[in-house]
All heavy atoms as atom14 arrays in JSON, in Angstrom:
{
  "sequence": "LFLDEPTASLDPSATREIEAVIRAFDAAGTKIVMATHNLGQARRLGD",
  "atom14_mask": [
    [1, 1, 1, 1, 1, 1, 1, 1, 0, 0, 0, 0, 0, 0],
    [1, 1, 1, 1, 1, 1, 1, 1, 1, 1, 1, 0, 0, 0],
    [1, 1, 1, 1, 1, 1, 1, 1, 0, 0, 0, 0, 0, 0],
    [1, 1, 1, 1, 1, 1, 1, 1, 0, 0, 0, 0, 0, 0],
    [1, 1, 1, 1, 1, 1, 1, 1, 1, 0, 0, 0, 0, 0],
    [1, 1, 1, 1, 1, 1, 1, 0, 0, 0, 0, 0, 0, 0],
    [1, 1, 1, 1, 1, 1, 1, 0, 0, 0, 0, 0, 0, 0],
    [1, 1, 1, 1, 1, 0, 0, 0, 0, 0, 0, 0, 0, 0],
    [1, 1, 1, 1, 1, 1, 0, 0, 0, 0, 0, 0, 0, 0],
    [1, 1, 1, 1, 1, 1, 1, 1, 0, 0, 0, 0, 0, 0],
    [1, 1, 1, 1, 1, 1, 1, 1, 0, 0, 0, 0, 0, 0],
    [1, 1, 1, 1, 1, 1, 1, 0, 0, 0, 0, 0, 0, 0],
    [1, 1, 1, 1, 1, 1, 0, 0, 0, 0, 0, 0, 0, 0],
    [1, 1, 1, 1, 1, 0, 0, 0, 0, 0, 0, 0, 0, 0],
    [1, 1, 1, 1, 1, 1, 1, 0, 0, 0, 0, 0, 0, 0],
    [1, 1, 1, 1, 1, 1, 1, 1, 1, 1, 1, 0, 0, 0],
    [1, 1, 1, 1, 1, 1, 1, 1, 1, 0, 0, 0, 0, 0],
    [1, 1, 1, 1, 1, 1, 1, 1, 0, 0, 0, 0, 0, 0],
    [1, 1, 1, 1, 1, 1, 1, 1, 1, 0, 0, 0, 0, 0],
    [1, 1, 1, 1, 1, 0, 0, 0, 0, 0, 0, 0, 0, 0],
    [1, 1, 1, 1, 1, 1, 1, 0, 0, 0, 0, 0, 0, 0],
    [1, 1, 1, 1, 1, 1, 1, 1, 0, 0, 0, 0, 0, 0],
    [1, 1, 1, 1, 1, 1, 1, 1, 1, 1, 1, 0, 0, 0],
    [1, 1, 1, 1, 1, 0, 0, 0, 0, 0, 0, 0, 0, 0],
    [1, 1, 1, 1, 1, 1, 1, 1, 1, 1, 1, 0, 0, 0],
    [1, 1, 1, 1, 1, 1, 1, 1, 0, 0, 0, 0, 0, 0],
    [1, 1, 1, 1, 1, 0, 0, 0, 0, 0, 0, 0, 0, 0],
    [1, 1, 1, 1, 1, 0, 0, 0, 0, 0, 0, 0, 0, 0],
    [1, 1, 1, 1, 0, 0, 0, 0, 0, 0, 0, 0, 0, 0],
    [1, 1, 1, 1, 1, 1, 1, 0, 0, 0, 0, 0, 0, 0],
    [1, 1, 1, 1, 1, 1, 1, 1, 1, 0, 0, 0, 0, 0],
    [1, 1, 1, 1, 1, 1, 1, 1, 0, 0, 0, 0, 0, 0],
    [1, 1, 1, 1, 1, 1, 1, 0, 0, 0, 0, 0, 0, 0],
    [1, 1, 1, 1, 1, 1, 1, 1, 0, 0, 0, 0, 0, 0],
    [1, 1, 1, 1, 1, 0, 0, 0, 0, 0, 0, 0, 0, 0],
    [1, 1, 1, 1, 1, 1, 1, 0, 0, 0, 0, 0, 0, 0],
    [1, 1, 1, 1, 1, 1, 1, 1, 1, 1, 0, 0, 0, 0],
    [1, 1, 1, 1, 1, 1, 1, 1, 0, 0, 0, 0, 0, 0],
    [1, 1, 1, 1, 1, 1, 1, 1, 0, 0, 0, 0, 0, 0],
    [1, 1, 1, 1, 0, 0, 0, 0, 0, 0, 0, 0, 0, 0],
    [1, 1, 1, 1, 1, 1, 1, 1, 1, 0, 0, 0, 0, 0],
    [1, 1, 1, 1, 1, 0, 0, 0, 0, 0, 0, 0, 0, 0],
    [1, 1, 1, 1, 1, 1, 1, 1, 1, 1, 1, 0, 0, 0],
    [1, 1, 1, 1, 1, 1, 1, 1, 1, 1, 1, 0, 0, 0],
    [1, 1, 1, 1, 1, 1, 1, 1, 0, 0, 0, 0, 0, 0],
    [1, 1, 1, 1, 0, 0, 0, 0, 0, 0, 0, 0, 0, 0],
    [1, 1, 1, 1, 1, 1, 1, 1, 0, 0, 0, 0, 0, 0]
  ],
  "atom14_positions": [
    [[73.85, 106.08, 88.39], [75.25, 106.21, 87.98], [76.11, 105.37, 88.91], [76.16, 105.61, 90.12], [75.7, 107.67, 88.04], [77.18, 107.93, 87.73], [77.52, 107.5, 86.3], [77.53, 109.41, 87.94], [0.0, 0.0, 0.0], [0.0, 0.0, 0.0], [0.0, 0.0, 0.0], [0.0, 0.0, 0.0], [0.0, 0.0, 0.0], [0.0, 0.0, 0.0]],
    [[76.78, 104.37, 88.34], [77.73, 103.55, 89.07], [79.12, 104.14, 88.89], [79.54, 104.44, 87.76], [77.72, 102.11, 88.56], [76.43, 101.38, 88.77], [75.55, 101.16, 87.72], [76.08, 100.91, 90.03], [74.36, 100.49, 87.91], [74.88, 100.23, 90.24], [74.03, 100.01, 89.18], [0.0, 0.0, 0.0], [0.0, 0.0, 0.0], [0.0, 0.0, 0.0]],
    [[79.84, 104.29, 89.98], [81.18, 104.87, 89.95], [82.14, 103.9, 90.65], [81.97, 103.6, 91.84], [81.2, 106.21, 90.69], [80.3, 107.3, 90.1], [80.04, 108.39, 91.13], [80.93, 107.89, 88.85], [0.0, 0.0, 0.0], [0.0, 0.0, 0.0], [0.0, 0.0, 0.0], [0.0, 0.0, 0.0], [0.0, 0.0, 0.0], [0.0, 0.0, 0.0]],
    [[83.12, 103.42, 89.9], [84.06, 102.44, 90.44], [85.39, 103.11, 90.77], [86.21, 103.32, 89.88], [84.26, 101.3, 89.44], [85.13, 100.17, 89.99], [85.39, 100.17, 91.22], [85.54, 99.3, 89.21], [0.0, 0.0, 0.0], [0.0, 0.0, 0.0], [0.0, 0.0, 0.0], [0.0, 0.0, 0.0], [0.0, 0.0, 0.0], [0.0, 0.0, 0.0]],
    [[85.58, 103.48, 92.03], [86.81, 104.13, 92.49], [87.19, 105.29, 91.56], [88.3, 105.33, 91.02], [87.95, 103.11, 92.54], [87.7, 101.92, 93.44], [88.17, 102.13, 94.88], [88.52, 103.28, 95.23], [88.17, 101.16, 95.64], [0.0, 0.0, 0.0], [0.0, 0.0, 0.0], [0.0, 0.0, 0.0], [0.0, 0.0, 0.0], [0.0, 0.0, 0.0]],
    [[86.31, 106.27, 91.36], [86.55, 107.28, 90.32], [87.7, 108.24, 90.59], [88.13, 108.94, 89.68], [85.22, 108.04, 90.29], [84.65, 107.88, 91.67], [85.05, 106.5, 92.08], [0.0, 0.0, 0.0], [0.0, 0.0, 0.0], [0.0, 0.0, 0.0], [0.0, 0.0, 0.0], [0.0, 0.0, 0.0], [0.0, 0.0, 0.0], [0.0, 0.0, 0.0]],
    [[88.2, 108.29, 91.83], [89.29, 109.23, 92.13], [90.52, 108.52, 92.68], [91.41, 109.17, 93.23], [88.83, 110.29, 93.16], [88.51, 109.64, 94.41], [87.59, 111.04, 92.68], [0.0, 0.0, 0.0], [0.0, 0.0, 0.0], [0.0, 0.0, 0.0], [0.0, 0.0, 0.0], [0.0, 0.0, 0.0], [0.0, 0.0, 0.0], [0.0, 0.0, 0.0]],
    [[90.62, 107.22, 92.48], [91.68, 106.44, 93.13], [93.08, 106.89, 92.75], [94.01, 106.79, 93.55], [91.5, 104.96, 92.81], [0.0, 0.0, 0.0], [0.0, 0.0, 0.0], [0.0, 0.0, 0.0], [0.0, 0.0, 0.0], [0.0, 0.0, 0.0], [0.0, 0.0, 0.0], [0.0, 0.0, 0.0], [0.0, 0.0, 0.0], [0.0, 0.0, 0.0]],
    [[93.27, 107.39, 91.53], [94.61, 107.75, 91.06], [94.8, 109.26, 90.94], [95.75, 109.72, 90.3], [94.89, 107.1, 89.7], [94.75, 105.69, 89.78], [0.0, 0.0, 0.0], [0.0, 0.0, 0.0], [0.0, 0.0, 0.0], [0.0, 0.0, 0.0], [0.0, 0.0, 0.0], [0.0, 0.0, 0.0], [0.0, 0.0, 0.0], [0.0, 0.0, 0.0]],
    [[93.92, 110.04, 91.57], [93.96, 111.49, 91.39], [94.54, 112.21, 92.6], [94.45, 111.73, 93.73], [92.54, 112.0, 91.13], [91.81, 111.43, 89.91], [90.45, 112.08, 89.78], [92.63, 111.63, 88.65], [0.0, 0.0, 0.0], [0.0, 0.0, 0.0], [0.0, 0.0, 0.0], [0.0, 0.0, 0.0], [0.0, 0.0, 0.0], [0.0, 0.0, 0.0]],
    [[95.1, 113.4, 92.34], [95.6, 114.22, 93.43], [94.42, 114.93, 94.09], [93.28, 114.9, 93.59], [96.65, 115.22, 92.93], [96.11, 116.21, 91.9], [94.9, 116.55, 91.95], [96.89, 116.64, 91.04], [0.0, 0.0, 0.0], [0.0, 0.0, 0.0], [0.0, 0.0, 0.0], [0.0, 0.0, 0.0], [0.0, 0.0, 0.0], [0.0, 0.0, 0.0]],
    [[94.64, 115.56, 95.25], [93.52, 116.16, 95.98], [92.73, 117.19, 95.18], [91.5, 117.25, 95.29], [94.2, 116.8, 97.19], [95.4, 115.95, 97.43], [95.88, 115.58, 96.06], [0.0, 0.0, 0.0], [0.0, 0.0, 0.0], [0.0, 0.0, 0.0], [0.0, 0.0, 0.0], [0.0, 0.0, 0.0], [0.0, 0.0, 0.0], [0.0, 0.0, 0.0]],
    [[93.4, 118.0, 94.36], [92.7, 119.02, 93.58], [91.77, 118.38, 92.56], [90.59, 118.75, 92.44], [93.71, 119.93, 92.88], [93.04, 120.86, 92.06], [0.0, 0.0, 0.0], [0.0, 0.0, 0.0], [0.0, 0.0, 0.0], [0.0, 0.0, 0.0], [0.0, 0.0, 0.0], [0.0, 0.0, 0.0], [0.0, 0.0, 0.0], [0.0, 0.0, 0.0]],
    [[92.28, 117.39, 91.83], [91.45, 116.7, 90.83], [90.33, 115.93, 91.51], [89.22, 115.85, 90.98], [92.32, 115.77, 89.99], [0.0, 0.0, 0.0], [0.0, 0.0, 0.0], [0.0, 0.0, 0.0], [0.0, 0.0, 0.0], [0.0, 0.0, 0.0], [0.0, 0.0, 0.0], [0.0, 0.0, 0.0], [0.0, 0.0, 0.0], [0.0, 0.0, 0.0]],
    [[90.62, 115.38, 92.68], [89.59, 114.65, 93.43], [88.44, 115.58, 93.79], [87.26, 115.21, 93.66], [90.19, 114.03, 94.7], [91.12, 113.01, 94.33], [89.1, 113.4, 95.58], [0.0, 0.0, 0.0], [0.0, 0.0, 0.0], [0.0, 0.0, 0.0], [0.0, 0.0, 0.0], [0.0, 0.0, 0.0], [0.0, 0.0, 0.0], [0.0, 0.0, 0.0]],
    [[88.75, 116.79, 94.24], [87.69, 117.75, 94.59], [86.83, 118.07, 93.37], [85.6, 118.21, 93.48], [88.32, 119.03, 95.16], [88.81, 118.89, 96.6], [89.12, 120.25, 97.21], [90.18, 120.95, 96.52], [91.48, 120.81, 96.81], [91.85, 119.99, 97.77], [92.39, 121.49, 96.14], [0.0, 0.0, 0.0], [0.0, 0.0, 0.0], [0.0, 0.0, 0.0]],
    [[87.47, 118.2, 92.21], [86.71, 118.51, 90.99], [85.76, 117.36, 90.64], [84.6, 117.6, 90.27], [87.68, 118.76, 89.83], [88.47, 120.06, 89.99], [89.54, 120.22, 88.92], [89.94, 119.19, 88.32], [89.97, 121.36, 88.67], [0.0, 0.0, 0.0], [0.0, 0.0, 0.0], [0.0, 0.0, 0.0], [0.0, 0.0, 0.0], [0.0, 0.0, 0.0]],
    [[86.23, 116.14, 90.75], [85.38, 114.97, 90.45], [84.24, 114.89, 91.46], [83.08, 114.63, 91.1], [86.21, 113.68, 90.47], [87.25, 113.69, 89.34], [85.3, 112.45, 90.35], [86.68, 113.76, 87.96], [0.0, 0.0, 0.0], [0.0, 0.0, 0.0], [0.0, 0.0, 0.0], [0.0, 0.0, 0.0], [0.0, 0.0, 0.0], [0.0, 0.0, 0.0]],
    [[84.54, 115.11, 92.73], [83.5, 115.04, 93.75], [82.43, 116.11, 93.53], [81.24, 115.87, 93.8], [84.11, 115.15, 95.14], [84.92, 113.91, 95.53], [85.43, 113.95, 96.96], [85.22, 114.98, 97.65], [86.04, 112.96, 97.4], [0.0, 0.0, 0.0], [0.0, 0.0, 0.0], [0.0, 0.0, 0.0], [0.0, 0.0, 0.0], [0.0, 0.0, 0.0]],
    [[82.84, 117.27, 93.04], [81.86, 118.32, 92.75], [80.91, 117.88, 91.64], [79.7, 118.15, 91.71], [82.57, 119.62, 92.35], [0.0, 0.0, 0.0], [0.0, 0.0, 0.0], [0.0, 0.0, 0.0], [0.0, 0.0, 0.0], [0.0, 0.0, 0.0], [0.0, 0.0, 0.0], [0.0, 0.0, 0.0], [0.0, 0.0, 0.0], [0.0, 0.0, 0.0]],
    [[81.43, 117.19, 90.64], [80.57, 116.68, 89.56], [79.63, 115.61, 90.1], [78.44, 115.57, 89.74], [81.42, 116.14, 88.4], [80.52, 115.53, 87.33], [82.29, 117.24, 87.79], [0.0, 0.0, 0.0], [0.0, 0.0, 0.0], [0.0, 0.0, 0.0], [0.0, 0.0, 0.0], [0.0, 0.0, 0.0], [0.0, 0.0, 0.0], [0.0, 0.0, 0.0]],
    [[80.14, 114.74, 90.96], [79.29, 113.69, 91.53], [78.15, 114.31, 92.34], [77.0, 113.87, 92.25], [80.14, 112.75, 92.42], [81.13, 111.97, 91.55], [79.24, 111.77, 93.19], [82.17, 111.2, 92.35], [0.0, 0.0, 0.0], [0.0, 0.0, 0.0], [0.0, 0.0, 0.0], [0.0, 0.0, 0.0], [0.0, 0.0, 0.0], [0.0, 0.0, 0.0]],
    [[78.44, 115.37, 93.08], [77.38, 116.06, 93.84], [76.35, 116.66, 92.89], [75.15, 116.7, 93.2], [77.99, 117.13, 94.73], [78.78, 116.58, 95.91], [79.15, 117.7, 96.89], [79.97, 117.2, 97.97], [81.31, 117.25, 97.99], [81.96, 117.81, 96.96], [81.98, 116.77, 99.01], [0.0, 0.0, 0.0], [0.0, 0.0, 0.0], [0.0, 0.0, 0.0]],
    [[76.8, 117.15, 91.72], [75.87, 117.72, 90.75], [74.94, 116.64, 90.2], [73.73, 116.88, 90.02], [76.64, 118.38, 89.6], [0.0, 0.0, 0.0], [0.0, 0.0, 0.0], [0.0, 0.0, 0.0], [0.0, 0.0, 0.0], [0.0, 0.0, 0.0], [0.0, 0.0, 0.0], [0.0, 0.0, 0.0], [0.0, 0.0, 0.0], [0.0, 0.0, 0.0]],
    [[75.47, 115.45, 89.95], [74.61, 114.33, 89.55], [73.56, 114.06, 90.62], [72.37, 113.9, 90.32], [75.45, 113.06, 89.34], [76.0, 112.87, 87.97], [77.31, 113.18, 87.68], [75.21, 112.32, 86.97], [77.84, 112.98, 86.41], [75.71, 112.11, 85.69], [77.03, 112.44, 85.41], [0.0, 0.0, 0.0], [0.0, 0.0, 0.0], [0.0, 0.0, 0.0]],
    [[74.01, 114.0, 91.86], [73.11, 113.72, 92.98], [72.03, 114.79, 93.07], [70.83, 114.48, 93.22], [73.93, 113.65, 94.27], [73.11, 113.25, 95.47], [72.22, 112.37, 95.34], [73.33, 113.82, 96.56], [0.0, 0.0, 0.0], [0.0, 0.0, 0.0], [0.0, 0.0, 0.0], [0.0, 0.0, 0.0], [0.0, 0.0, 0.0], [0.0, 0.0, 0.0]],
    [[72.42, 116.06, 92.94], [71.46, 117.16, 93.03], [70.46, 117.13, 91.88], [69.32, 117.58, 92.03], [72.2, 118.5, 93.03], [0.0, 0.0, 0.0], [0.0, 0.0, 0.0], [0.0, 0.0, 0.0], [0.0, 0.0, 0.0], [0.0, 0.0, 0.0], [0.0, 0.0, 0.0], [0.0, 0.0, 0.0], [0.0, 0.0, 0.0], [0.0, 0.0, 0.0]],
    [[70.88, 116.56, 90.73], [69.99, 116.47, 89.56], [69.04, 115.29, 89.65], [68.21, 115.1, 88.76], [70.82, 116.39, 88.29], [0.0, 0.0, 0.0], [0.0, 0.0, 0.0], [0.0, 0.0, 0.0], [0.0, 0.0, 0.0], [0.0, 0.0, 0.0], [0.0, 0.0, 0.0], [0.0, 0.0, 0.0], [0.0, 0.0, 0.0], [0.0, 0.0, 0.0]],
    [[69.16, 114.49, 90.72], [68.23, 113.39, 90.93], [68.74, 112.02, 90.5], [68.0, 111.04, 90.56], [0.0, 0.0, 0.0], [0.0, 0.0, 0.0], [0.0, 0.0, 0.0], [0.0, 0.0, 0.0], [0.0, 0.0, 0.0], [0.0, 0.0, 0.0], [0.0, 0.0, 0.0], [0.0, 0.0, 0.0], [0.0, 0.0, 0.0], [0.0, 0.0, 0.0]],
    [[70.01, 111.94, 90.09], [70.58, 110.64, 89.72], [70.96, 109.87, 90.98], [71.55, 110.42, 91.9], [71.84, 110.83, 88.85], [71.47, 111.45, 87.61], [72.52, 109.51, 88.55], [0.0, 0.0, 0.0], [0.0, 0.0, 0.0], [0.0, 0.0, 0.0], [0.0, 0.0, 0.0], [0.0, 0.0, 0.0], [0.0, 0.0, 0.0], [0.0, 0.0, 0.0]],
    [[70.6, 108.61, 91.03], [71.0, 107.74, 92.12], [72.48, 107.41, 91.97], [72.92, 106.9, 90.93], [70.18, 106.45, 92.09], [70.73, 105.31, 92.96], [70.47, 105.54, 94.43], [70.94, 104.31, 95.23], [70.56, 104.41, 96.64], [0.0, 0.0, 0.0], [0.0, 0.0, 0.0], [0.0, 0.0, 0.0], [0.0, 0.0, 0.0], [0.0, 0.0, 0.0]],
    [[73.29, 107.71, 92.98], [74.72, 107.45, 92.97], [75.0, 106.15, 93.71], [74.57, 105.97, 94.86], [75.51, 108.59, 93.63], [75.25, 109.92, 92.91], [77.0, 108.27, 93.67], [75.71, 109.97, 91.48], [0.0, 0.0, 0.0], [0.0, 0.0, 0.0], [0.0, 0.0, 0.0], [0.0, 0.0, 0.0], [0.0, 0.0, 0.0], [0.0, 0.0, 0.0]],
    [[75.72, 105.24, 93.05], [76.23, 104.03, 93.69], [77.72, 104.01, 93.43], [78.16, 103.84, 92.28], [75.57, 102.76, 93.14], [76.06, 101.52, 93.9], [74.05, 102.84, 93.21], [0.0, 0.0, 0.0], [0.0, 0.0, 0.0], [0.0, 0.0, 0.0], [0.0, 0.0, 0.0], [0.0, 0.0, 0.0], [0.0, 0.0, 0.0], [0.0, 0.0, 0.0]],
    [[78.54, 104.22, 94.46], [79.97, 104.4, 94.26], [80.78, 103.44, 95.12], [80.54, 103.31, 96.32], [80.38, 105.83, 94.6], [81.85, 106.11, 94.29], [82.31, 107.84, 94.53], [82.36, 107.92, 96.31], [0.0, 0.0, 0.0], [0.0, 0.0, 0.0], [0.0, 0.0, 0.0], [0.0, 0.0, 0.0], [0.0, 0.0, 0.0], [0.0, 0.0, 0.0]],
    [[81.75, 102.8, 94.49], [82.69, 101.95, 95.2], [83.93, 102.75, 95.55], [84.46, 103.49, 94.72], [83.08, 100.75, 94.34], [0.0, 0.0, 0.0], [0.0, 0.0, 0.0], [0.0, 0.0, 0.0], [0.0, 0.0, 0.0], [0.0, 0.0, 0.0], [0.0, 0.0, 0.0], [0.0, 0.0, 0.0], [0.0, 0.0, 0.0], [0.0, 0.0, 0.0]],
    [[84.38, 102.62, 96.79], [85.6, 103.3, 97.21], [86.18, 102.58, 98.42], [85.47, 101.87, 99.14], [85.34, 104.79, 97.55], [86.58, 105.43, 97.85], [84.41, 104.94, 98.73], [0.0, 0.0, 0.0], [0.0, 0.0, 0.0], [0.0, 0.0, 0.0], [0.0, 0.0, 0.0], [0.0, 0.0, 0.0], [0.0, 0.0, 0.0], [0.0, 0.0, 0.0]],
    [[87.48, 102.78, 98.65], [88.08, 102.35, 99.92], [88.49, 103.57, 100.74], [89.09, 103.44, 101.8], [89.29, 101.43, 99.69], [90.42, 102.07, 98.94], [90.84, 101.62, 97.71], [91.22, 103.1, 99.23], [91.85, 102.36, 97.29], [92.1, 103.28, 98.21], [0.0, 0.0, 0.0], [0.0, 0.0, 0.0], [0.0, 0.0, 0.0], [0.0, 0.0, 0.0]],
    [[88.12, 104.77, 100.24], [88.51, 106.03, 100.86], [87.48, 106.42, 101.92], [86.35, 106.79, 101.58], [88.63, 107.1, 99.77], [89.15, 108.41, 100.28], [88.67, 108.93, 101.28], [90.14, 108.97, 99.6], [0.0, 0.0, 0.0], [0.0, 0.0, 0.0], [0.0, 0.0, 0.0], [0.0, 0.0, 0.0], [0.0, 0.0, 0.0], [0.0, 0.0, 0.0]],
    [[87.87, 106.36, 103.18], [86.93, 106.64, 104.26], [86.43, 108.09, 104.23], [85.24, 108.36, 104.43], [87.59, 106.36, 105.61], [88.05, 104.92, 105.85], [88.72, 104.8, 107.21], [86.89, 103.95, 105.75], [0.0, 0.0, 0.0], [0.0, 0.0, 0.0], [0.0, 0.0, 0.0], [0.0, 0.0, 0.0], [0.0, 0.0, 0.0], [0.0, 0.0, 0.0]],
    [[87.33, 109.03, 103.96], [86.93, 110.43, 103.9], [85.94, 110.68, 102.78], [84.96, 111.43, 102.95], [0.0, 0.0, 0.0], [0.0, 0.0, 0.0], [0.0, 0.0, 0.0], [0.0, 0.0, 0.0], [0.0, 0.0, 0.0], [0.0, 0.0, 0.0], [0.0, 0.0, 0.0], [0.0, 0.0, 0.0], [0.0, 0.0, 0.0], [0.0, 0.0, 0.0]],
    [[86.16, 110.07, 101.65], [85.26, 110.23, 100.52], [83.89, 109.63, 100.83], [82.85, 110.2, 100.47], [85.85, 109.57, 99.28], [85.11, 109.87, 98.01], [85.91, 109.45, 96.8], [86.12, 108.25, 96.57], [86.39, 110.42, 96.04], [0.0, 0.0, 0.0], [0.0, 0.0, 0.0], [0.0, 0.0, 0.0], [0.0, 0.0, 0.0], [0.0, 0.0, 0.0]],
    [[83.88, 108.5, 101.49], [82.6, 107.89, 101.88], [81.81, 108.83, 102.79], [80.6, 108.99, 102.63], [82.85, 106.56, 102.59], [0.0, 0.0, 0.0], [0.0, 0.0, 0.0], [0.0, 0.0, 0.0], [0.0, 0.0, 0.0], [0.0, 0.0, 0.0], [0.0, 0.0, 0.0], [0.0, 0.0, 0.0], [0.0, 0.0, 0.0], [0.0, 0.0, 0.0]],
    [[82.5, 109.48, 103.7], [81.83, 110.44, 104.6], [81.3, 111.64, 103.83], [80.2, 112.13, 104.09], [82.81, 110.93, 105.67], [83.18, 109.92, 106.76], [84.21, 110.56, 107.68], [84.7, 109.68, 108.7], [84.17, 109.57, 109.92], [83.1, 110.28, 110.24], [84.7, 108.75, 110.82], [0.0, 0.0, 0.0], [0.0, 0.0, 0.0], [0.0, 0.0, 0.0]],
    [[82.1, 112.13, 102.87], [81.72, 113.34, 102.14], [80.56, 113.12, 101.18], [79.71, 114.0, 101.02], [82.93, 113.9, 101.36], [84.03, 114.47, 102.21], [85.05, 115.21, 101.38], [85.75, 114.37, 100.42], [86.86, 113.68, 100.68], [87.39, 113.72, 101.91], [87.45, 112.96, 99.75], [0.0, 0.0, 0.0], [0.0, 0.0, 0.0], [0.0, 0.0, 0.0]],
    [[80.52, 111.98, 100.53], [79.58, 111.78, 99.43], [78.44, 110.82, 99.73], [77.46, 110.79, 98.99], [80.34, 111.28, 98.19], [81.4, 112.2, 97.6], [82.06, 111.54, 96.4], [80.83, 113.55, 97.21], [0.0, 0.0, 0.0], [0.0, 0.0, 0.0], [0.0, 0.0, 0.0], [0.0, 0.0, 0.0], [0.0, 0.0, 0.0], [0.0, 0.0, 0.0]],
    [[78.55, 110.04, 100.78], [77.58, 109.0, 101.0], [76.45, 109.37, 101.94], [76.63, 110.16, 102.87], [0.0, 0.0, 0.0], [0.0, 0.0, 0.0], [0.0, 0.0, 0.0], [0.0, 0.0, 0.0], [0.0, 0.0, 0.0], [0.0, 0.0, 0.0], [0.0, 0.0, 0.0], [0.0, 0.0, 0.0], [0.0, 0.0, 0.0], [0.0, 0.0, 0.0]],
    [[75.29, 108.82, 101.66], [74.18, 108.86, 102.61], [74.11, 107.56, 103.4], [73.73, 107.54, 104.56], [72.84, 109.07, 101.88], [72.78, 110.43, 101.21], [73.07, 111.43, 101.88], [72.45, 110.49, 100.01], [0.0, 0.0, 0.0], [0.0, 0.0, 0.0], [0.0, 0.0, 0.0], [0.0, 0.0, 0.0], [0.0, 0.0, 0.0], [0.0, 0.0, 0.0]]
  ]
}
């Protein structure tokens, strides 16, 4: 799953919801490749 700045225009609440879905993809075994300029998001979601 490629994700191109998926939360760039979202508020913090909506961002948390999207990140929860991304974690579900990861837990289901999907390889996540995500572009972001958000340092906090990179820390939270990246390996």
